[in-house]
């Protein structure tokens, strides 16, 4: 019979209440990350349904889009590699995130008006690349702003802020496509992204000064 470690047997699962979360030293940052809910909702409205959108509007099946999705997924690695260079050029991770997500939002907003399929697919890849470049920069900034012992909880809350609205989004996008408004999900997502970008800049533009002070730079 397998013997259990007494330490494991006597271990207690730590439960964290909302009151405990409010006591986090990083609670100020969590509040400033709330626009991530708009990003999550916008992503849910169209990102999982892009293949359906291409099929309904251009009669392209998912098999034909395979190479485009493969290239698009590969941009995650490209974005991670290029992100630090963008940050150095703009001298700010916040401005870099806002710029990259703003450009990605602009590309998404014009996609419904593009009927040249090769150009449209190229814009689809560009949009994904820009968004993938922004994410590691924001992750890096949060990592520096949050005390080591609170990082797990803060990143968990950050993901939750995005994930819950993201789960609701496909129902909205699918319903709109079902009743014939094929392009409306893209416009809704663009509007949500644009609002989030403005809020991110307003709420986070001063936080990097604190990072420089802490690190003595």
Protein backbone atom coordinates (compact mmCIF):
# COMPACT_ATOMS: atom_id res chain seq x y z
CA UNK A 1 0.00 0.00 0.00
CA UNK A 2 1.31 3.44 -0.92
CA UNK A 3 2.27 5.62 2.06
CA UNK A 4 1.38 9.32 1.86
CA UNK A 5 3.74 12.03 2.98
CA UNK A 6 2.50 13.41 6.35
CA UNK A 7 3.20 16.93 5.12
CA UNK A 8 0.86 16.35 2.17
CA UNK A 9 -1.79 14.75 4.36
CA UNK A 10 -1.82 17.66 6.79
CA UNK A 11 -1.62 20.36 4.12
CA UNK A 12 -4.52 22.75 3.89
CA UNK A 13 -5.79 24.36 0.74
CA UNK A 14 -5.55 28.11 1.03
CA UNK A 15 -8.81 29.82 0.18
CA UNK A 16 -8.68 33.37 -1.05
CA UNK A 17 -11.71 35.59 -0.58
CA UNK A 18 -12.55 38.87 -2.29
CA UNK A 19 -11.58 40.59 0.95
CA UNK A 20 -8.12 39.01 0.72
CA UNK A 21 -7.77 40.18 -2.87
CA UNK A 22 -8.54 43.75 -1.87
CA UNK A 23 -5.60 43.59 0.53
CA UNK A 24 -3.11 42.74 -2.21
CA UNK A 25 -0.48 45.37 -2.73
CA UNK A 26 -1.18 44.97 -6.45
CA UNK A 27 -4.91 45.64 -6.16
CA UNK A 28 -4.35 49.09 -7.72
CA UNK A 29 -2.94 47.40 -10.83
CA UNK A 30 -5.77 44.87 -11.08
CA UNK A 31 -8.26 47.74 -11.25
CA UNK A 32 -6.26 49.30 -14.10
CA UNK A 33 -6.35 46.02 -16.01
CA UNK A 34 -10.16 45.88 -16.11
CA UNK A 35 -10.22 47.06 -19.79
CA UNK A 36 -8.93 43.56 -20.53
CA UNK A 37 -12.57 42.49 -20.16
CA UNK A 38 -13.38 44.49 -23.31
CA UNK A 39 -10.49 42.83 -25.14
CA UNK A 40 -11.76 39.41 -24.05
CA UNK A 41 -15.33 40.13 -25.08
CA UNK A 42 -14.25 41.54 -28.44
CA UNK A 43 -11.99 38.57 -29.09
CA UNK A 44 -14.82 36.17 -28.28
CA UNK A 45 -17.25 37.89 -30.65
CA UNK A 46 -15.19 37.21 -33.79
CA UNK A 47 -11.83 35.43 -33.29
CA UNK A 48 -13.26 31.87 -32.85
CA UNK A 49 -15.70 32.56 -35.71
CA UNK A 50 -13.29 33.89 -38.32
CA UNK A 51 -13.33 30.63 -40.28
CA UNK A 52 -17.14 30.79 -40.34
CA UNK A 53 -17.00 34.42 -41.47
CA UNK A 54 -14.65 33.54 -44.35
CA UNK A 55 -16.93 30.65 -45.32
CA UNK A 56 -20.18 32.64 -45.25
CA UNK A 57 -18.77 35.70 -47.01
CA UNK A 58 -16.32 34.15 -49.47
CA UNK A 59 -17.37 30.47 -49.50
CA UNK A 60 -13.92 29.34 -48.38
CA UNK A 61 -13.87 26.18 -46.31
CA UNK A 62 -11.60 25.62 -43.33
CA UNK A 63 -9.33 23.22 -45.24
CA UNK A 64 -8.43 25.97 -47.70
CA UNK A 65 -7.61 28.30 -44.81
CA UNK A 66 -5.25 25.81 -43.19
CA UNK A 67 -2.01 27.42 -44.37
CA UNK A 68 -3.28 30.89 -43.45
CA UNK A 69 -4.06 29.74 -39.91
CA UNK A 70 -0.69 28.00 -39.70
CA UNK A 71 1.11 31.22 -40.65
CA UNK A 72 -1.11 33.18 -38.30
CA UNK A 73 -0.31 30.87 -35.38
CA UNK A 74 3.39 31.10 -36.16
CA UNK A 75 3.23 34.84 -35.62
CA UNK A 76 3.01 34.20 -31.88
CA UNK A 77 6.72 33.29 -31.87
CA UNK A 78 7.53 36.14 -34.26
CA UNK A 79 5.65 38.61 -32.09
CA UNK A 80 7.45 37.48 -28.94
CA UNK A 81 10.83 37.94 -30.63
CA UNK A 82 10.04 41.36 -32.09
CA UNK A 83 8.23 42.83 -29.09
CA UNK A 84 11.36 43.91 -27.13
CA UNK A 85 12.73 45.74 -30.19
CA UNK A 86 9.47 47.67 -30.59
CA UNK A 87 9.57 48.59 -26.90
CA UNK A 88 13.12 49.92 -27.21
CA UNK A 89 12.24 51.98 -30.26
CA UNK A 90 9.22 53.59 -28.57
CA UNK A 91 10.93 53.79 -25.14
CA UNK A 92 7.79 52.58 -23.38
CA UNK A 93 5.99 49.28 -23.07
CA UNK A 94 2.67 50.99 -22.41
CA UNK A 95 2.96 53.11 -25.57
CA UNK A 96 4.12 50.02 -27.47
CA UNK A 97 1.09 48.00 -26.32
CA UNK A 98 -1.28 50.85 -27.15
CA UNK A 99 0.34 51.41 -30.57
CA UNK A 100 0.36 47.74 -31.57
CA UNK A 101 -3.18 47.05 -30.38
CA UNK A 102 -4.36 50.30 -31.96
CA UNK A 103 -2.88 49.30 -35.33
CA UNK A 104 -4.38 45.81 -35.01
CA UNK A 105 -7.76 47.37 -34.28
CA UNK A 106 -7.49 49.59 -37.34
CA UNK A 107 -6.67 46.61 -39.54
CA UNK A 108 -9.64 44.68 -38.15
CA UNK A 109 -11.98 47.62 -38.73
CA UNK A 110 -11.16 47.84 -42.45
CA UNK A 111 -11.30 44.09 -43.14
CA UNK A 112 -15.07 43.98 -43.87
CA UNK A 113 -14.60 46.49 -46.67
CA UNK A 114 -11.84 44.46 -48.41
CA UNK A 115 -13.01 42.11 -51.16
CA UNK A 116 -9.60 41.24 -52.59
CA UNK A 117 -9.13 37.86 -50.94
CA UNK A 118 -5.28 37.65 -50.98
CA UNK A 119 -5.10 41.15 -49.48
CA UNK A 120 -7.75 40.27 -46.89
CA UNK A 121 -5.88 37.13 -45.82
CA UNK A 122 -2.65 39.15 -45.55
CA UNK A 123 -4.43 41.67 -43.31
CA UNK A 124 -5.74 38.80 -41.19
CA UNK A 125 -2.16 37.65 -40.57
CA UNK A 126 -0.94 41.20 -39.92
CA UNK A 127 -3.66 41.75 -37.34
CA UNK A 128 -2.71 38.60 -35.47
CA UNK A 129 0.97 39.52 -35.59
CA UNK A 130 0.36 42.96 -34.08
CA UNK A 131 -1.80 41.58 -31.26
CA UNK A 132 0.73 38.84 -30.52
CA UNK A 133 3.48 41.46 -30.24
CA UNK A 134 1.51 43.47 -27.69
CA UNK A 135 0.73 40.65 -25.26
CA UNK A 136 4.29 39.77 -24.11
CA UNK A 137 5.03 43.46 -23.51
CA UNK A 138 2.04 43.83 -21.21
CA UNK A 139 2.94 40.56 -19.49
CA UNK A 140 6.49 41.81 -18.91
CA UNK A 141 5.25 45.10 -17.46
CA UNK A 142 2.84 43.35 -15.07
CA UNK A 143 5.64 41.00 -14.01
CA UNK A 144 7.81 43.95 -12.98
CA UNK A 145 5.03 45.86 -11.22
CA UNK A 146 3.79 42.96 -9.11
CA UNK A 147 5.67 41.60 -6.05
CA UNK A 148 6.95 38.08 -6.59
CA UNK A 149 4.64 36.54 -4.00
CA UNK A 150 1.54 38.04 -5.65
CA UNK A 151 2.30 37.29 -9.29
CA UNK A 152 0.37 34.02 -9.47
CA UNK A 153 -2.82 35.58 -8.13
CA UNK A 154 -2.50 38.72 -10.25
CA UNK A 155 -1.91 36.81 -13.48
CA UNK A 156 -4.77 34.48 -12.58
CA UNK A 157 -7.10 37.45 -12.06
CA UNK A 158 -5.87 39.06 -15.28
CA UNK A 159 -6.71 35.90 -17.22
CA UNK A 160 -10.09 35.64 -15.49
CA UNK A 161 -10.95 39.25 -16.39
CA UNK A 162 -10.40 38.37 -20.04
CA UNK A 163 -11.66 34.78 -20.11
CA UNK A 164 -15.16 35.24 -18.68
CA UNK A 165 -16.27 37.83 -21.29
CA UNK A 166 -14.44 35.84 -23.98
CA UNK A 167 -16.69 32.87 -23.23
CA UNK A 168 -19.79 35.01 -23.82
CA UNK A 169 -18.56 36.52 -27.09
CA UNK A 170 -19.06 33.61 -29.52
CA UNK A 171 -22.77 33.48 -28.71
CA UNK A 172 -23.11 37.14 -29.69
CA UNK A 173 -21.06 36.81 -32.85
CA UNK A 174 -22.76 33.58 -33.90
CA UNK A 175 -26.23 35.06 -33.42
CA UNK A 176 -25.41 38.14 -35.50
CA UNK A 177 -24.02 36.02 -38.33
CA UNK A 178 -27.01 33.71 -38.18
CA UNK A 179 -29.44 36.59 -38.77
CA UNK A 180 -27.36 37.93 -41.66
CA UNK A 181 -25.14 40.61 -40.09
CA UNK A 182 -21.85 39.04 -41.20
CA UNK A 183 -19.65 42.09 -40.77
CA UNK A 184 -21.19 43.49 -37.61
CA UNK A 185 -19.15 41.24 -35.26
CA UNK A 186 -15.93 42.68 -36.71
CA UNK A 187 -17.17 46.23 -36.18
CA UNK A 188 -18.28 45.43 -32.63
CA UNK A 189 -14.90 43.90 -31.83
CA UNK A 190 -13.11 46.90 -33.35
CA UNK A 191 -15.17 49.28 -31.18
CA UNK A 192 -14.49 47.23 -28.03
CA UNK A 193 -10.76 47.04 -28.81
CA UNK A 194 -10.56 50.78 -29.51
CA UNK A 195 -12.26 51.58 -26.20
CA UNK A 196 -9.91 49.24 -24.33
CA UNK A 197 -6.83 50.78 -25.98
CA UNK A 198 -7.87 54.29 -24.93
CA UNK A 199 -8.56 53.10 -21.38
CA UNK A 200 -5.26 51.22 -21.19
CA UNK A 201 -3.37 54.37 -22.12
CA UNK A 202 -5.31 56.52 -19.67
CA UNK A 203 -4.89 54.05 -16.79
CA UNK A 204 -1.35 52.74 -17.38
CA UNK A 205 0.59 55.60 -18.95
CA UNK A 206 2.25 56.61 -15.67
CA UNK A 207 3.05 53.22 -14.17
CA UNK A 208 6.42 52.75 -15.88
CA UNK A 209 7.84 55.73 -13.97
CA UNK A 210 7.30 53.69 -10.81
CA UNK A 211 9.18 50.76 -12.32
CA UNK A 212 12.14 53.00 -13.17
CA UNK A 213 12.22 54.43 -9.66
CA UNK A 214 12.12 50.97 -8.06
CA UNK A 215 14.98 49.74 -10.26
CA UNK A 216 16.96 52.95 -9.87
CA UNK A 217 17.01 53.89 -13.54
